[in-house]
C-alpha atoms as a PDB file:
ATOM      1  CA  UNK A   1       5.871  -0.247  12.996  1.00  0.00           C
ATOM      2  CA  UNK A   2       5.164  -2.105  16.169  1.00  0.00           C
ATOM      3  CA  UNK A   3       2.481  -4.597  17.152  1.00  0.00           C
ATOM      4  CA  UNK A   4       0.374  -1.994  18.973  1.00  0.00           C
ATOM      5  CA  UNK A   5       0.260   0.205  15.874  1.00  0.00           C
ATOM      6  CA  UNK A   6      -0.922  -2.710  13.728  1.00  0.00           C
ATOM      7  CA  UNK A   7      -3.573  -3.683  16.295  1.00  0.00           C
ATOM      8  CA  UNK A   8      -4.888  -0.113  16.393  1.00  0.00           C
ATOM      9  CA  UNK A   9      -4.888   0.019  12.588  1.00  0.00           C
ATOM     10  CA  UNK A  10      -6.751  -3.324  12.417  1.00  0.00           C
ATOM     11  CA  UNK A  11      -9.445  -1.972  14.753  1.00  0.00           C
ATOM     12  CA  UNK A  12      -9.858   1.156  12.612  1.00  0.00           C
ATOM     13  CA  UNK A  13     -10.078  -0.881   9.418  1.00  0.00           C
ATOM     14  CA  UNK A  14     -12.689  -3.193  10.915  1.00  0.00           C
ATOM     15  CA  UNK A  15     -14.703  -0.214  12.130  1.00  0.00           C
ATOM     16  CA  UNK A  16     -14.804   1.470   8.708  1.00  0.00           C
ATOM     17  CA  UNK A  17     -14.977  -1.485   6.304  1.00  0.00           C
ATOM     18  CA  UNK A  18     -17.300  -4.464   5.861  1.00  0.00           C
ATOM     19  CA  UNK A  19     -15.035  -7.251   4.565  1.00  0.00           C
ATOM     20  CA  UNK A  20     -14.510  -8.163   1.808  1.00  0.00           C
ATOM     21  CA  UNK A  21     -14.061  -4.606   0.595  1.00  0.00           C
ATOM     22  CA  UNK A  22     -12.361  -2.560  -2.079  1.00  0.00           C
ATOM     23  CA  UNK A  23      -9.310  -0.964  -0.449  1.00  0.00           C
ATOM     24  CA  UNK A  24      -7.079   1.744  -1.900  1.00  0.00           C
ATOM     25  CA  UNK A  25      -3.337   1.553  -1.310  1.00  0.00           C
ATOM     26  CA  UNK A  26      -1.283   4.633  -2.070  1.00  0.00           C
ATOM     27  CA  UNK A  27       2.491   4.749  -1.923  1.00  0.00           C
ATOM     28  CA  UNK A  28       5.229   7.207  -2.714  1.00  0.00           C
ATOM     29  CA  UNK A  29       8.453   5.506  -3.652  1.00  0.00           C
ATOM     30  CA  UNK A  30      11.818   6.613  -5.057  1.00  0.00           C
ATOM     31  CA  UNK A  31      11.615   6.324  -8.840  1.00  0.00           C
ATOM     32  CA  UNK A  32      14.374   3.700  -8.973  1.00  0.00           C
ATOM     33  CA  UNK A  33      12.364   1.496  -6.555  1.00  0.00           C
ATOM     34  CA  UNK A  34       9.016   1.564  -8.377  1.00  0.00           C
ATOM     35  CA  UNK A  35       9.566  -1.784 -10.099  1.00  0.00           C
ATOM     36  CA  UNK A  36      10.250  -3.379  -6.708  1.00  0.00           C
ATOM     37  CA  UNK A  37       6.853  -2.116  -5.529  1.00  0.00           C
ATOM     38  CA  UNK A  38       5.095  -3.211  -8.732  1.00  0.00           C
ATOM     39  CA  UNK A  39       6.444  -6.743  -8.282  1.00  0.00           C
ATOM     40  CA  UNK A  40       4.408  -6.990  -5.060  1.00  0.00           C
ATOM     41  CA  UNK A  41       1.240  -6.274  -7.067  1.00  0.00           C
ATOM     42  CA  UNK A  42       1.779  -8.454 -10.169  1.00  0.00           C
ATOM     43  CA  UNK A  43      -1.898  -9.037 -10.947  1.00  0.00           C
ATOM     44  CA  UNK A  44      -3.113  -5.518 -10.315  1.00  0.00           C
ATOM     45  CA  UNK A  45      -3.173  -2.593 -12.639  1.00  0.00           C
ATOM     46  CA  UNK A  46      -1.980   0.701 -11.264  1.00  0.00           C
ATOM     47  CA  UNK A  47      -5.056   2.813 -11.023  1.00  0.00           C
ATOM     48  CA  UNK A  48      -2.954   5.940 -10.881  1.00  0.00           C
ATOM     49  CA  UNK A  49       0.697   6.826 -11.305  1.00  0.00           C
ATOM     50  CA  UNK A  50       2.227  10.246 -10.931  1.00  0.00           C
ATOM     51  CA  UNK A  51       5.859  11.346 -11.028  1.00  0.00           C
ATOM     52  CA  UNK A  52       7.186  14.132  -8.852  1.00  0.00           C
ATOM     53  CA  UNK A  53       8.180  17.390 -10.510  1.00  0.00           C
ATOM     54  CA  UNK A  54      11.866  16.428 -10.679  1.00  0.00           C
ATOM     55  CA  UNK A  55      11.110  12.766 -11.404  1.00  0.00           C
ATOM     56  CA  UNK A  56      12.816  11.479  -8.262  1.00  0.00           C
ATOM     57  CA  UNK A  57       9.657   9.953  -6.795  1.00  0.00           C
ATOM     58  CA  UNK A  58       6.581   8.166  -8.082  1.00  0.00           C
ATOM     59  CA  UNK A  59       3.153   7.983  -6.473  1.00  0.00           C
ATOM     60  CA  UNK A  60       1.421   4.662  -7.161  1.00  0.00           C
ATOM     61  CA  UNK A  61      -2.192   3.902  -6.262  1.00  0.00           C
ATOM     62  CA  UNK A  62      -3.708   0.420  -6.291  1.00  0.00           C
ATOM     63  CA  UNK A  63      -7.301  -0.577  -5.637  1.00  0.00           C
ATOM     64  CA  UNK A  64      -7.738  -4.146  -4.561  1.00  0.00           C
ATOM     65  CA  UNK A  65     -10.568  -6.271  -3.244  1.00  0.00           C
ATOM     66  CA  UNK A  66      -9.325  -7.344   0.160  1.00  0.00           C
ATOM     67  CA  UNK A  67     -10.875 -10.185   2.207  1.00  0.00           C
ATOM     68  CA  UNK A  68     -10.002  -8.818   5.659  1.00  0.00           C
ATOM     69  CA  UNK A  69      -8.143  -6.217   7.677  1.00  0.00           C
ATOM     70  CA  UNK A  70      -5.394  -8.780   8.244  1.00  0.00           C
ATOM     71  CA  UNK A  71      -4.821  -9.044   4.489  1.00  0.00           C
ATOM     72  CA  UNK A  72      -4.499  -5.240   4.253  1.00  0.00           C
ATOM     73  CA  UNK A  73      -1.941  -5.260   7.062  1.00  0.00           C
ATOM     74  CA  UNK A  74       0.023  -8.026   5.325  1.00  0.00           C
ATOM     75  CA  UNK A  75       0.373  -5.825   2.242  1.00  0.00           C
ATOM     76  CA  UNK A  76       1.719  -2.969   4.347  1.00  0.00           C
ATOM     77  CA  UNK A  77       4.173  -5.332   6.047  1.00  0.00           C
ATOM     78  CA  UNK A  78       5.430  -6.552   2.647  1.00  0.00           C
ATOM     79  CA  UNK A  79       5.983  -3.081   1.218  1.00  0.00           C
ATOM     80  CA  UNK A  80       7.689  -1.846   4.384  1.00  0.00           C
ATOM     81  CA  UNK A  81      10.803  -3.694   3.229  1.00  0.00           C
ATOM     82  CA  UNK A  82      11.239  -1.291   0.313  1.00  0.00           C
ATOM     83  CA  UNK A  83      13.764   1.370   1.224  1.00  0.00           C
ATOM     84  CA  UNK A  84      12.402   4.913   1.030  1.00  0.00           C
ATOM     85  CA  UNK A  85       8.741   3.985   0.625  1.00  0.00           C
ATOM     86  CA  UNK A  86       6.024   6.125   2.147  1.00  0.00           C
ATOM     87  CA  UNK A  87       2.573   4.583   2.642  1.00  0.00           C
ATOM     88  CA  UNK A  88      -0.298   7.055   2.665  1.00  0.00           C
END
């Protein structure tokens, strides 16, 4: 993801949220990578977890109180290092 994409995303976040705000993160990750994702959210309880039909993938949803659009973007930057992750 390039700088322009993040700037556009920041503008959209700021338009739709009044910070601080509760923000929902949803990811689909290969099942063998789910612990790597969970380690990035050590203090947060998964609000929802669902395995794919064959068990190869896991959908994880986190709700977090975020102070700003920049903090949301930082989370997405951190998780982008996980191979095979899809952010929804």
